[in-house]
PDB file of all heavy atoms in Angstrom:
ATOM      1  N   GLU A   1       0.219  -9.155   1.436  1.00  0.00           N
ATOM      2  CA  GLU A   1      -0.715 -10.072   0.802  1.00  0.00           C
ATOM      3  C   GLU A   1      -2.110  -9.458   0.757  1.00  0.00           C
ATOM      4  O   GLU A   1      -2.909  -9.813  -0.082  1.00  0.00           O
ATOM      5  CB  GLU A   1      -0.742 -11.403   1.544  1.00  0.00           C
ATOM      6  CG  GLU A   1       0.556 -12.167   1.418  1.00  0.00           C
ATOM      7  CD  GLU A   1       0.507 -13.511   2.115  1.00  0.00           C
ATOM      8  OE1 GLU A   1      -0.596 -14.020   2.383  1.00  0.00           O
ATOM      9  OE2 GLU A   1       1.588 -14.057   2.382  1.00  0.00           O
ATOM     10  N   GLY A   2      -2.382  -8.527   1.655  1.00  0.00           N
ATOM     11  CA  GLY A   2      -3.693  -7.877   1.722  1.00  0.00           C
ATOM     12  C   GLY A   2      -3.591  -6.392   1.444  1.00  0.00           C
ATOM     13  O   GLY A   2      -2.541  -5.881   1.063  1.00  0.00           O
ATOM     14  N   ASN A   3      -4.701  -5.698   1.641  1.00  0.00           N
ATOM     15  CA  ASN A   3      -4.760  -4.252   1.450  1.00  0.00           C
ATOM     16  C   ASN A   3      -4.064  -3.534   2.604  1.00  0.00           C
ATOM     17  O   ASN A   3      -4.016  -4.049   3.719  1.00  0.00           O
ATOM     18  CB  ASN A   3      -6.215  -3.777   1.400  1.00  0.00           C
ATOM     19  CG  ASN A   3      -6.986  -4.408   0.261  1.00  0.00           C
ATOM     20  OD1 ASN A   3      -6.415  -4.881  -0.712  1.00  0.00           O
ATOM     21  ND2 ASN A   3      -8.302  -4.413   0.382  1.00  0.00           N
ATOM     22  N   ASP A   4      -3.567  -2.340   2.337  1.00  0.00           N
ATOM     23  CA  ASP A   4      -3.011  -1.489   3.390  1.00  0.00           C
ATOM     24  C   ASP A   4      -3.415  -0.053   3.059  1.00  0.00           C
ATOM     25  O   ASP A   4      -2.901   0.546   2.114  1.00  0.00           O
ATOM     26  CB  ASP A   4      -1.494  -1.624   3.464  1.00  0.00           C
ATOM     27  CG  ASP A   4      -0.895  -0.967   4.702  1.00  0.00           C
ATOM     28  OD1 ASP A   4      -1.541  -0.055   5.261  1.00  0.00           O
ATOM     29  OD2 ASP A   4       0.211  -1.352   5.093  1.00  0.00           O
ATOM     30  N   SER A   5      -4.346   0.495   3.833  1.00  0.00           N
ATOM     31  CA  SER A   5      -4.913   1.818   3.541  1.00  0.00           C
ATOM     32  C   SER A   5      -4.056   2.991   4.021  1.00  0.00           C
ATOM     33  O   SER A   5      -4.382   4.133   3.747  1.00  0.00           O
ATOM     34  CB  SER A   5      -6.318   1.937   4.143  1.00  0.00           C
ATOM     35  OG  SER A   5      -6.256   1.851   5.547  1.00  0.00           O
ATOM     36  N   ASN A   6      -2.958   2.705   4.723  1.00  0.00           N
ATOM     37  CA  ASN A   6      -2.086   3.792   5.178  1.00  0.00           C
ATOM     38  C   ASN A   6      -0.689   3.232   5.450  1.00  0.00           C
ATOM     39  O   ASN A   6      -0.455   2.616   6.482  1.00  0.00           O
ATOM     40  CB  ASN A   6      -2.647   4.449   6.434  1.00  0.00           C
ATOM     41  CG  ASN A   6      -1.879   5.689   6.831  1.00  0.00           C
ATOM     42  OD1 ASN A   6      -0.740   5.898   6.410  1.00  0.00           O
ATOM     43  ND2 ASN A   6      -2.485   6.520   7.648  1.00  0.00           N
ATOM     44  N   TRP A   7       0.219   3.475   4.531  1.00  0.00           N
ATOM     45  CA  TRP A   7       1.581   2.978   4.676  1.00  0.00           C
ATOM     46  C   TRP A   7       2.345   3.706   5.770  1.00  0.00           C
ATOM     47  O   TRP A   7       3.432   3.274   6.148  1.00  0.00           O
ATOM     48  CB  TRP A   7       2.342   3.109   3.360  1.00  0.00           C
ATOM     49  CG  TRP A   7       1.998   2.088   2.320  1.00  0.00           C
ATOM     50  CD1 TRP A   7       0.863   1.340   2.240  1.00  0.00           C
ATOM     51  CD2 TRP A   7       2.800   1.722   1.205  1.00  0.00           C
ATOM     52  NE1 TRP A   7       0.912   0.527   1.134  1.00  0.00           N
ATOM     53  CE2 TRP A   7       2.087   0.749   0.476  1.00  0.00           C
ATOM     54  CE3 TRP A   7       4.033   2.134   0.738  1.00  0.00           C
ATOM     55  CZ2 TRP A   7       2.591   0.167  -0.677  1.00  0.00           C
ATOM     56  CZ3 TRP A   7       4.530   1.561  -0.416  1.00  0.00           C
ATOM     57  CH2 TRP A   7       3.819   0.580  -1.109  1.00  0.00           C
ATOM     58  N   GLY A   8       1.830   4.786   6.299  1.00  0.00           N
ATOM     59  CA  GLY A   8       2.560   5.567   7.295  1.00  0.00           C
ATOM     60  C   GLY A   8       2.108   5.351   8.723  1.00  0.00           C
ATOM     61  O   GLY A   8       2.700   5.899   9.640  1.00  0.00           O
ATOM     62  N   ASP A   9       1.064   4.542   8.924  1.00  0.00           N
ATOM     63  CA  ASP A   9       0.604   4.317  10.297  1.00  0.00           C
ATOM     64  C   ASP A   9       1.321   3.115  10.907  1.00  0.00           C
ATOM     65  O   ASP A   9       2.295   2.618  10.345  1.00  0.00           O
ATOM     66  CB  ASP A   9      -0.925   4.168  10.342  1.00  0.00           C
ATOM     67  CG  ASP A   9      -1.437   2.927   9.615  1.00  0.00           C
ATOM     68  OD1 ASP A   9      -0.620   2.078   9.172  1.00  0.00           O
ATOM     69  OD2 ASP A   9      -2.658   2.798   9.480  1.00  0.00           O
ATOM     70  N   SER A  10       0.832   2.634  12.037  1.00  0.00           N
ATOM     71  CA  SER A  10       1.491   1.516  12.718  1.00  0.00           C
ATOM     72  C   SER A  10       0.781   0.189  12.489  1.00  0.00           C
ATOM     73  O   SER A  10       1.065  -0.784  13.160  1.00  0.00           O
ATOM     74  CB  SER A  10       1.594   1.801  14.216  1.00  0.00           C
ATOM     75  OG  SER A  10       0.287   1.974  14.751  1.00  0.00           O
ATOM     76  N   GLY A  11      -0.136   0.132  11.520  1.00  0.00           N
ATOM     77  CA  GLY A  11      -0.831  -1.115  11.210  1.00  0.00           C
ATOM     78  C   GLY A  11      -0.585  -1.523   9.772  1.00  0.00           C
ATOM     79  O   GLY A  11      -0.127  -0.725   8.953  1.00  0.00           O
ATOM     80  N   GLY A  12      -0.872  -2.760   9.453  1.00  0.00           N
ATOM     81  CA  GLY A  12      -0.714  -3.233   8.087  1.00  0.00           C
ATOM     82  C   GLY A  12       0.708  -3.661   7.775  1.00  0.00           C
ATOM     83  O   GLY A  12       1.602  -3.631   8.621  1.00  0.00           O
ATOM     84  N   SER A  13       0.907  -4.054   6.537  1.00  0.00           N
ATOM     85  CA  SER A  13       2.205  -4.578   6.110  1.00  0.00           C
ATOM     86  C   SER A  13       3.275  -3.501   6.015  1.00  0.00           C
ATOM     87  O   SER A  13       4.444  -3.748   6.286  1.00  0.00           O
ATOM     88  CB  SER A  13       2.053  -5.257   4.756  1.00  0.00           C
ATOM     89  OG  SER A  13       1.111  -6.286   4.838  1.00  0.00           O
ATOM     90  N   PHE A  14       2.880  -2.309   5.584  1.00  0.00           N
ATOM     91  CA  PHE A  14       3.814  -1.187   5.478  1.00  0.00           C
ATOM     92  C   PHE A  14       3.517  -0.224   6.622  1.00  0.00           C
ATOM     93  O   PHE A  14       2.361   0.054   6.911  1.00  0.00           O
ATOM     94  CB  PHE A  14       3.657  -0.491   4.125  1.00  0.00           C
ATOM     95  CG  PHE A  14       4.061  -1.374   2.981  1.00  0.00           C
ATOM     96  CD1 PHE A  14       3.125  -2.162   2.334  1.00  0.00           C
ATOM     97  CD2 PHE A  14       5.375  -1.428   2.560  1.00  0.00           C
ATOM     98  CE1 PHE A  14       3.495  -2.987   1.279  1.00  0.00           C
ATOM     99  CE2 PHE A  14       5.758  -2.250   1.508  1.00  0.00           C
ATOM    100  CZ  PHE A  14       4.810  -3.038   0.876  1.00  0.00           C
ATOM    101  N   GLN A  15       4.578   0.282   7.261  1.00  0.00           N
ATOM    102  CA  GLN A  15       4.381   1.109   8.443  1.00  0.00           C
ATOM    103  C   GLN A  15       5.401   2.234   8.511  1.00  0.00           C
ATOM    104  O   GLN A  15       6.510   2.122   7.982  1.00  0.00           O
ATOM    105  CB  GLN A  15       4.510   0.249   9.709  1.00  0.00           C
ATOM    106  CG  GLN A  15       3.473  -0.844   9.795  1.00  0.00           C
ATOM    107  CD  GLN A  15       3.605  -1.655  11.073  1.00  0.00           C
ATOM    108  OE1 GLN A  15       4.405  -1.364  11.955  1.00  0.00           O
ATOM    109  NE2 GLN A  15       2.783  -2.690  11.183  1.00  0.00           N
ATOM    110  N   GLY A  16       4.999   3.308   9.189  1.00  0.00           N
ATOM    111  CA  GLY A  16       5.900   4.413   9.512  1.00  0.00           C
ATOM    112  C   GLY A  16       6.560   5.043   8.306  1.00  0.00           C
ATOM    113  O   GLY A  16       5.906   5.605   7.437  1.00  0.00           O
ATOM    114  N   SER A  17       7.867   4.909   8.219  1.00  0.00           N
ATOM    115  CA  SER A  17       8.643   5.573   7.175  1.00  0.00           C
ATOM    116  C   SER A  17       8.522   4.913   5.807  1.00  0.00           C
ATOM    117  O   SER A  17       9.115   5.392   4.848  1.00  0.00           O
ATOM    118  CB  SER A  17      10.119   5.657   7.585  1.00  0.00           C
ATOM    119  OG  SER A  17      10.674   4.360   7.675  1.00  0.00           O
ATOM    120  N   ASP A  18       7.745   3.829   5.682  1.00  0.00           N
ATOM    121  CA  ASP A  18       7.549   3.190   4.378  1.00  0.00           C
ATOM    122  C   ASP A  18       6.751   4.083   3.427  1.00  0.00           C
ATOM    123  O   ASP A  18       6.914   4.003   2.211  1.00  0.00           O
ATOM    124  CB  ASP A  18       6.810   1.857   4.520  1.00  0.00           C
ATOM    125  CG  ASP A  18       7.622   0.809   5.253  1.00  0.00           C
ATOM    126  OD1 ASP A  18       8.868   0.908   5.250  1.00  0.00           O
ATOM    127  OD2 ASP A  18       7.013  -0.109   5.826  1.00  0.00           O
ATOM    128  N   THR A  19       5.898   4.932   3.977  1.00  0.00           N
ATOM    129  CA  THR A  19       5.058   5.771   3.136  1.00  0.00           C
ATOM    130  C   THR A  19       5.903   6.722   2.294  1.00  0.00           C
ATOM    131  O   THR A  19       6.933   7.223   2.736  1.00  0.00           O
ATOM    132  CB  THR A  19       4.024   6.552   3.978  1.00  0.00           C
ATOM    133  OG1 THR A  19       3.040   7.105   3.099  1.00  0.00           O
ATOM    134  CG2 THR A  19       4.642   7.646   4.809  1.00  0.00           C
ATOM    135  N   ASN A  20       5.468   6.928   1.070  1.00  0.00           N
ATOM    136  CA  ASN A  20       6.129   7.857   0.141  1.00  0.00           C
ATOM    137  C   ASN A  20       7.595   7.541  -0.118  1.00  0.00           C
ATOM    138  O   ASN A  20       8.406   8.446  -0.309  1.00  0.00           O
ATOM    139  CB  ASN A  20       5.979   9.302   0.642  1.00  0.00           C
ATOM    140  CG  ASN A  20       4.532   9.700   0.754  1.00  0.00           C
ATOM    141  OD1 ASN A  20       3.713   9.336  -0.073  1.00  0.00           O
ATOM    142  ND2 ASN A  20       4.208  10.446   1.793  1.00  0.00           N
ATOM    143  N   ARG A  21       7.944   6.253  -0.145  1.00  0.00           N
ATOM    144  CA  ARG A  21       9.339   5.865  -0.398  1.00  0.00           C
ATOM    145  C   ARG A  21       9.508   4.942  -1.596  1.00  0.00           C
ATOM    146  O   ARG A  21      10.622   4.812  -2.099  1.00  0.00           O
ATOM    147  CB  ARG A  21       9.929   5.181   0.834  1.00  0.00           C
ATOM    148  CG  ARG A  21      10.270   6.175   1.913  1.00  0.00           C
ATOM    149  CD  ARG A  21      10.984   5.567   3.080  1.00  0.00           C
ATOM    150  NE  ARG A  21      12.167   4.790   2.708  1.00  0.00           N
ATOM    151  CZ  ARG A  21      12.723   3.900   3.521  1.00  0.00           C
ATOM    152  NH1 ARG A  21      12.224   3.658   4.700  1.00  0.00           N
ATOM    153  NH2 ARG A  21      13.798   3.234   3.139  1.00  0.00           N
ATOM    154  N   ALA A  22       8.461   4.267  -2.048  1.00  0.00           N
ATOM    155  CA  ALA A  22       8.614   3.263  -3.105  1.00  0.00           C
ATOM    156  C   ALA A  22       8.996   3.886  -4.447  1.00  0.00           C
ATOM    157  O   ALA A  22       8.390   4.849  -4.890  1.00  0.00           O
ATOM    158  CB  ALA A  22       7.324   2.465  -3.257  1.00  0.00           C
ATOM    159  N   THR A  23      10.017   3.307  -5.065  1.00  0.00           N
ATOM    160  CA  THR A  23      10.466   3.724  -6.388  1.00  0.00           C
ATOM    161  C   THR A  23      10.298   2.597  -7.403  1.00  0.00           C
ATOM    162  O   THR A  23      10.352   2.816  -8.598  1.00  0.00           O
ATOM    163  CB  THR A  23      11.942   4.180  -6.340  1.00  0.00           C
ATOM    164  OG1 THR A  23      12.037   5.241  -5.387  1.00  0.00           O
ATOM    165  CG2 THR A  23      12.421   4.706  -7.671  1.00  0.00           C
ATOM    166  N   SER A  24      10.073   1.370  -6.934  1.00  0.00           N
ATOM    167  CA  SER A  24       9.747   0.247  -7.806  1.00  0.00           C
ATOM    168  C   SER A  24       8.849  -0.724  -7.036  1.00  0.00           C
ATOM    169  O   SER A  24       8.895  -0.778  -5.803  1.00  0.00           O
ATOM    170  CB  SER A  24      11.008  -0.451  -8.321  1.00  0.00           C
ATOM    171  OG  SER A  24      11.854  -0.863  -7.278  1.00  0.00           O
ATOM    172  N   VAL A  25       8.007  -1.452  -7.778  1.00  0.00           N
ATOM    173  CA  VAL A  25       7.043  -2.369  -7.168  1.00  0.00           C
ATOM    174  C   VAL A  25       6.948  -3.651  -7.993  1.00  0.00           C
ATOM    175  O   VAL A  25       7.249  -3.666  -9.184  1.00  0.00           O
ATOM    176  CB  VAL A  25       5.644  -1.716  -7.037  1.00  0.00           C
ATOM    177  CG1 VAL A  25       5.647  -0.632  -5.972  1.00  0.00           C
ATOM    178  CG2 VAL A  25       5.160  -1.155  -8.362  1.00  0.00           C
ATOM    179  N   LEU A  26       6.500  -4.715  -7.330  1.00  0.00           N
ATOM    180  CA  LEU A  26       6.402  -6.031  -7.945  1.00  0.00           C
ATOM    181  C   LEU A  26       5.067  -6.658  -7.568  1.00  0.00           C
ATOM    182  O   LEU A  26       4.686  -6.640  -6.397  1.00  0.00           O
ATOM    183  CB  LEU A  26       7.562  -6.896  -7.434  1.00  0.00           C
ATOM    184  CG  LEU A  26       7.612  -8.369  -7.769  1.00  0.00           C
ATOM    185  CD1 LEU A  26       7.824  -8.560  -9.270  1.00  0.00           C
ATOM    186  CD2 LEU A  26       8.741  -9.030  -6.996  1.00  0.00           C
ATOM    187  N   ASN A  27       4.336  -7.181  -8.549  1.00  0.00           N
ATOM    188  CA  ASN A  27       3.060  -7.856  -8.303  1.00  0.00           C
ATOM    189  C   ASN A  27       3.267  -9.346  -8.506  1.00  0.00           C
ATOM    190  O   ASN A  27       3.446  -9.812  -9.627  1.00  0.00           O
ATOM    191  CB  ASN A  27       1.982  -7.337  -9.260  1.00  0.00           C
ATOM    192  CG  ASN A  27       0.627  -7.992  -9.044  1.00  0.00           C
ATOM    193  OD1 ASN A  27       0.491  -8.952  -8.298  1.00  0.00           O
ATOM    194  ND2 ASN A  27      -0.383  -7.474  -9.708  1.00  0.00           N
ATOM    195  N   LYS A  28       3.233 -10.115  -7.410  1.00  0.00           N
ATOM    196  CA  LYS A  28       3.358 -11.564  -7.493  1.00  0.00           C
ATOM    197  C   LYS A  28       2.019 -12.249  -7.240  1.00  0.00           C
ATOM    198  O   LYS A  28       1.972 -13.429  -6.965  1.00  0.00           O
ATOM    199  CB  LYS A  28       4.410 -12.056  -6.502  1.00  0.00           C
ATOM    200  CG  LYS A  28       5.818 -11.625  -6.884  1.00  0.00           C
ATOM    201  CD  LYS A  28       6.841 -12.188  -5.953  1.00  0.00           C
ATOM    202  CE  LYS A  28       7.438 -13.424  -6.566  1.00  0.00           C
ATOM    203  NZ  LYS A  28       8.522 -13.996  -5.755  1.00  0.00           N
ATOM    204  N   GLY A  29       0.927 -11.472  -7.347  1.00  0.00           N
ATOM    205  CA  GLY A  29      -0.403 -12.023  -7.130  1.00  0.00           C
ATOM    206  C   GLY A  29      -0.808 -12.979  -8.238  1.00  0.00           C
ATOM    207  O   GLY A  29      -0.292 -12.920  -9.348  1.00  0.00           O
ATOM    208  N   ASN A  30      -1.755 -13.852  -7.924  1.00  0.00           N
ATOM    209  CA  ASN A  30      -2.212 -14.849  -8.886  1.00  0.00           C
ATOM    210  C   ASN A  30      -3.494 -14.473  -9.603  1.00  0.00           C
ATOM    211  O   ASN A  30      -3.769 -14.985 -10.681  1.00  0.00           O
ATOM    212  CB  ASN A  30      -2.415 -16.199  -8.189  1.00  0.00           C
ATOM    213  CG  ASN A  30      -1.109 -16.783  -7.725  1.00  0.00           C
ATOM    214  OD1 ASN A  30      -0.087 -16.641  -8.374  1.00  0.00           O
ATOM    215  ND2 ASN A  30      -1.137 -17.441  -6.580  1.00  0.00           N
ATOM    216  N   SER A  31      -4.292 -13.579  -9.015  1.00  0.00           N
ATOM    217  CA  SER A  31      -5.593 -13.339  -9.630  1.00  0.00           C
ATOM    218  C   SER A  31      -6.034 -11.880  -9.657  1.00  0.00           C
ATOM    219  O   SER A  31      -7.069 -11.584 -10.236  1.00  0.00           O
ATOM    220  CB  SER A  31      -6.663 -14.165  -8.904  1.00  0.00           C
ATOM    221  OG  SER A  31      -6.768 -13.759  -7.560  1.00  0.00           O
ATOM    222  N   GLN A  32      -5.290 -10.974  -9.063  1.00  0.00           N
ATOM    223  CA  GLN A  32      -5.724  -9.581  -9.028  1.00  0.00           C
ATOM    224  C   GLN A  32      -4.582  -8.620  -9.342  1.00  0.00           C
ATOM    225  O   GLN A  32      -3.418  -8.994  -9.345  1.00  0.00           O
ATOM    226  CB  GLN A  32      -6.319  -9.234  -7.664  1.00  0.00           C
ATOM    227  CG  GLN A  32      -7.657  -9.921  -7.426  1.00  0.00           C
ATOM    228  CD  GLN A  32      -8.332  -9.408  -6.176  1.00  0.00           C
ATOM    229  OE1 GLN A  32      -7.759  -9.463  -5.103  1.00  0.00           O
ATOM    230  NE2 GLN A  32      -9.538  -8.903  -6.344  1.00  0.00           N
ATOM    231  N   GLU A  33      -4.988  -7.384  -9.593  1.00  0.00           N
ATOM    232  CA  GLU A  33      -4.042  -6.309  -9.849  1.00  0.00           C
ATOM    233  C   GLU A  33      -3.837  -5.544  -8.538  1.00  0.00           C
ATOM    234  O   GLU A  33      -4.653  -5.643  -7.639  1.00  0.00           O
ATOM    235  CB  GLU A  33      -4.588  -5.346 -10.909  1.00  0.00           C
ATOM    236  CG  GLU A  33      -5.397  -5.936 -12.035  1.00  0.00           C
ATOM    237  CD  GLU A  33      -4.827  -7.155 -12.738  1.00  0.00           C
ATOM    238  OE1 GLU A  33      -3.609  -7.364 -12.732  1.00  0.00           O
ATOM    239  OE2 GLU A  33      -5.611  -7.915 -13.297  1.00  0.00           O
ATOM    240  N   VAL A  34      -2.754  -4.783  -8.457  1.00  0.00           N
ATOM    241  CA  VAL A  34      -2.515  -3.943  -7.285  1.00  0.00           C
ATOM    242  C   VAL A  34      -2.776  -2.495  -7.696  1.00  0.00           C
ATOM    243  O   VAL A  34      -2.242  -2.020  -8.683  1.00  0.00           O
ATOM    244  CB  VAL A  34      -1.083  -4.069  -6.752  1.00  0.00           C
ATOM    245  CG1 VAL A  34      -0.921  -3.261  -5.468  1.00  0.00           C
ATOM    246  CG2 VAL A  34      -0.715  -5.514  -6.509  1.00  0.00           C
ATOM    247  N   GLN A  35      -3.622  -1.825  -6.919  1.00  0.00           N
ATOM    248  CA  GLN A  35      -3.933  -0.416  -7.171  1.00  0.00           C
ATOM    249  C   GLN A  35      -3.264   0.403  -6.069  1.00  0.00           C
ATOM    250  O   GLN A  35      -3.503   0.180  -4.885  1.00  0.00           O
ATOM    251  CB  GLN A  35      -5.442  -0.207  -7.157  1.00  0.00           C
ATOM    252  CG  GLN A  35      -5.882   1.156  -7.619  1.00  0.00           C
ATOM    253  CD  GLN A  35      -7.403   1.234  -7.714  1.00  0.00           C
ATOM    254  OE1 GLN A  35      -8.112   0.704  -6.856  1.00  0.00           O
ATOM    255  NE2 GLN A  35      -7.889   1.901  -8.737  1.00  0.00           N
ATOM    256  N   PHE A  36      -2.399   1.336  -6.474  1.00  0.00           N
ATOM    257  CA  PHE A  36      -1.662   2.182  -5.549  1.00  0.00           C
ATOM    258  C   PHE A  36      -2.289   3.572  -5.537  1.00  0.00           C
ATOM    259  O   PHE A  36      -2.782   4.044  -6.560  1.00  0.00           O
ATOM    260  CB  PHE A  36      -0.200   2.293  -5.984  1.00  0.00           C
ATOM    261  CG  PHE A  36       0.527   0.989  -5.987  1.00  0.00           C
ATOM    262  CD1 PHE A  36       0.680   0.274  -7.157  1.00  0.00           C
ATOM    263  CD2 PHE A  36       1.067   0.474  -4.823  1.00  0.00           C
ATOM    264  CE1 PHE A  36       1.350  -0.935  -7.181  1.00  0.00           C
ATOM    265  CE2 PHE A  36       1.741  -0.731  -4.823  1.00  0.00           C
ATOM    266  CZ  PHE A  36       1.887  -1.445  -6.005  1.00  0.00           C
ATOM    267  N   PHE A  37      -2.225   4.226  -4.394  1.00  0.00           N
ATOM    268  CA  PHE A  37      -2.815   5.561  -4.213  1.00  0.00           C
ATOM    269  C   PHE A  37      -1.808   6.512  -3.594  1.00  0.00           C
ATOM    270  O   PHE A  37      -0.945   6.104  -2.819  1.00  0.00           O
ATOM    271  CB  PHE A  37      -4.033   5.486  -3.283  1.00  0.00           C
ATOM    272  CG  PHE A  37      -5.150   4.667  -3.832  1.00  0.00           C
ATOM    273  CD1 PHE A  37      -5.179   3.294  -3.627  1.00  0.00           C
ATOM    274  CD2 PHE A  37      -6.175   5.250  -4.561  1.00  0.00           C
ATOM    275  CE1 PHE A  37      -6.212   2.526  -4.142  1.00  0.00           C
ATOM    276  CE2 PHE A  37      -7.211   4.485  -5.074  1.00  0.00           C
ATOM    277  CZ  PHE A  37      -7.221   3.129  -4.866  1.00  0.00           C
ATOM    278  N   ASN A  38      -1.984   7.808  -3.879  1.00  0.00           N
ATOM    279  CA  ASN A  38      -1.177   8.800  -3.175  1.00  0.00           C
ATOM    280  C   ASN A  38      -1.980   9.449  -2.059  1.00  0.00           C
ATOM    281  O   ASN A  38      -1.574  10.455  -1.507  1.00  0.00           O
ATOM    282  CB  ASN A  38      -0.566   9.835  -4.129  1.00  0.00           C
ATOM    283  CG  ASN A  38      -1.582  10.701  -4.846  1.00  0.00           C
ATOM    284  OD1 ASN A  38      -2.753  10.366  -4.940  1.00  0.00           O
ATOM    285  ND2 ASN A  38      -1.133  11.805  -5.381  1.00  0.00           N
ATOM    286  N   GLY A  39      -3.074   8.831  -1.691  1.00  0.00           N
ATOM    287  CA  GLY A  39      -3.862   9.219  -0.533  1.00  0.00           C
ATOM    288  C   GLY A  39      -3.964   8.043   0.420  1.00  0.00           C
ATOM    289  O   GLY A  39      -3.550   6.936   0.093  1.00  0.00           O
ATOM    290  N   THR A  40      -4.506   8.295   1.610  1.00  0.00           N
ATOM    291  CA  THR A  40      -4.681   7.227   2.596  1.00  0.00           C
ATOM    292  C   THR A  40      -6.149   7.106   2.974  1.00  0.00           C
ATOM    293  O   THR A  40      -6.944   7.989   2.701  1.00  0.00           O
ATOM    294  CB  THR A  40      -3.853   7.500   3.871  1.00  0.00           C
ATOM    295  OG1 THR A  40      -4.268   8.745   4.425  1.00  0.00           O
ATOM    296  CG2 THR A  40      -2.368   7.537   3.567  1.00  0.00           C
ATOM    297  N   GLY A  41      -6.476   6.001   3.619  1.00  0.00           N
ATOM    298  CA  GLY A  41      -7.833   5.774   4.097  1.00  0.00           C
ATOM    299  C   GLY A  41      -8.588   4.791   3.218  1.00  0.00           C
ATOM    300  O   GLY A  41      -8.241   4.569   2.067  1.00  0.00           O
ATOM    301  N   THR A  42      -9.631   4.216   3.794  1.00  0.00           N
ATOM    302  CA  THR A  42     -10.397   3.195   3.085  1.00  0.00           C
ATOM    303  C   THR A  42     -11.367   3.763   2.062  1.00  0.00           C
ATOM    304  O   THR A  42     -12.081   3.013   1.411  1.00  0.00           O
ATOM    305  CB  THR A  42     -11.161   2.302   4.080  1.00  0.00           C
ATOM    306  OG1 THR A  42     -11.975   3.136   4.910  1.00  0.00           O
ATOM    307  CG2 THR A  42     -10.200   1.494   4.940  1.00  0.00           C
ATOM    308  N   GLN A  43     -11.362   5.082   1.883  1.00  0.00           N
ATOM    309  CA  GLN A  43     -12.137   5.677   0.792  1.00  0.00           C
ATOM    310  C   GLN A  43     -11.376   5.520  -0.513  1.00  0.00           C
ATOM    311  O   GLN A  43     -11.922   5.753  -1.582  1.00  0.00           O
ATOM    312  CB  GLN A  43     -12.406   7.177   1.036  1.00  0.00           C
ATOM    313  CG  GLN A  43     -13.160   7.503   2.292  1.00  0.00           C
ATOM    314  CD  GLN A  43     -12.236   7.539   3.508  1.00  0.00           C
ATOM    315  OE1 GLN A  43     -11.011   7.625   3.408  1.00  0.00           O
ATOM    316  NE2 GLN A  43     -12.823   7.432   4.686  1.00  0.00           N
ATOM    317  N   TRP A  44     -10.104   5.125  -0.430  1.00  0.00           N
ATOM    318  CA  TRP A  44      -9.241   4.911  -1.589  1.00  0.00           C
ATOM    319  C   TRP A  44      -9.288   6.124  -2.506  1.00  0.00           C
ATOM    320  O   TRP A  44      -9.624   6.043  -3.672  1.00  0.00           O
ATOM    321  CB  TRP A  44      -9.605   3.613  -2.311  1.00  0.00           C
ATOM    322  CG  TRP A  44      -9.597   2.451  -1.374  1.00  0.00           C
ATOM    323  CD1 TRP A  44     -10.693   1.777  -0.924  1.00  0.00           C
ATOM    324  CD2 TRP A  44      -8.472   1.848  -0.734  1.00  0.00           C
ATOM    325  NE1 TRP A  44     -10.306   0.799  -0.047  1.00  0.00           N
ATOM    326  CE2 TRP A  44      -8.945   0.815   0.088  1.00  0.00           C
ATOM    327  CE3 TRP A  44      -7.101   2.086  -0.767  1.00  0.00           C
ATOM    328  CZ2 TRP A  44      -8.116   0.025   0.860  1.00  0.00           C
ATOM    329  CZ3 TRP A  44      -6.267   1.294   0.007  1.00  0.00           C
ATOM    330  CH2 TRP A  44      -6.773   0.282   0.802  1.00  0.00           C
ATOM    331  N   SER A  45      -8.936   7.265  -1.930  1.00  0.00           N
ATOM    332  CA  SER A  45      -8.994   8.535  -2.662  1.00  0.00           C
ATOM    333  C   SER A  45      -7.606   8.985  -3.085  1.00  0.00           C
ATOM    334  O   SER A  45      -6.611   8.355  -2.770  1.00  0.00           O
ATOM    335  CB  SER A  45      -9.647   9.597  -1.784  1.00  0.00           C
ATOM    336  OG  SER A  45      -8.896   9.763  -0.598  1.00  0.00           O
TER     337      SER A  45
END
């Protein structure tokens, strides 16, 4: 439901082996878009 700046760490909605695994995604949000990155960190690089 919120942001996750590192899918491979132990915090946030996605953790550990979740990083670099998604092949399809779904946006069920009501008011915003989802921006995906191939980098990590809150610099959103």
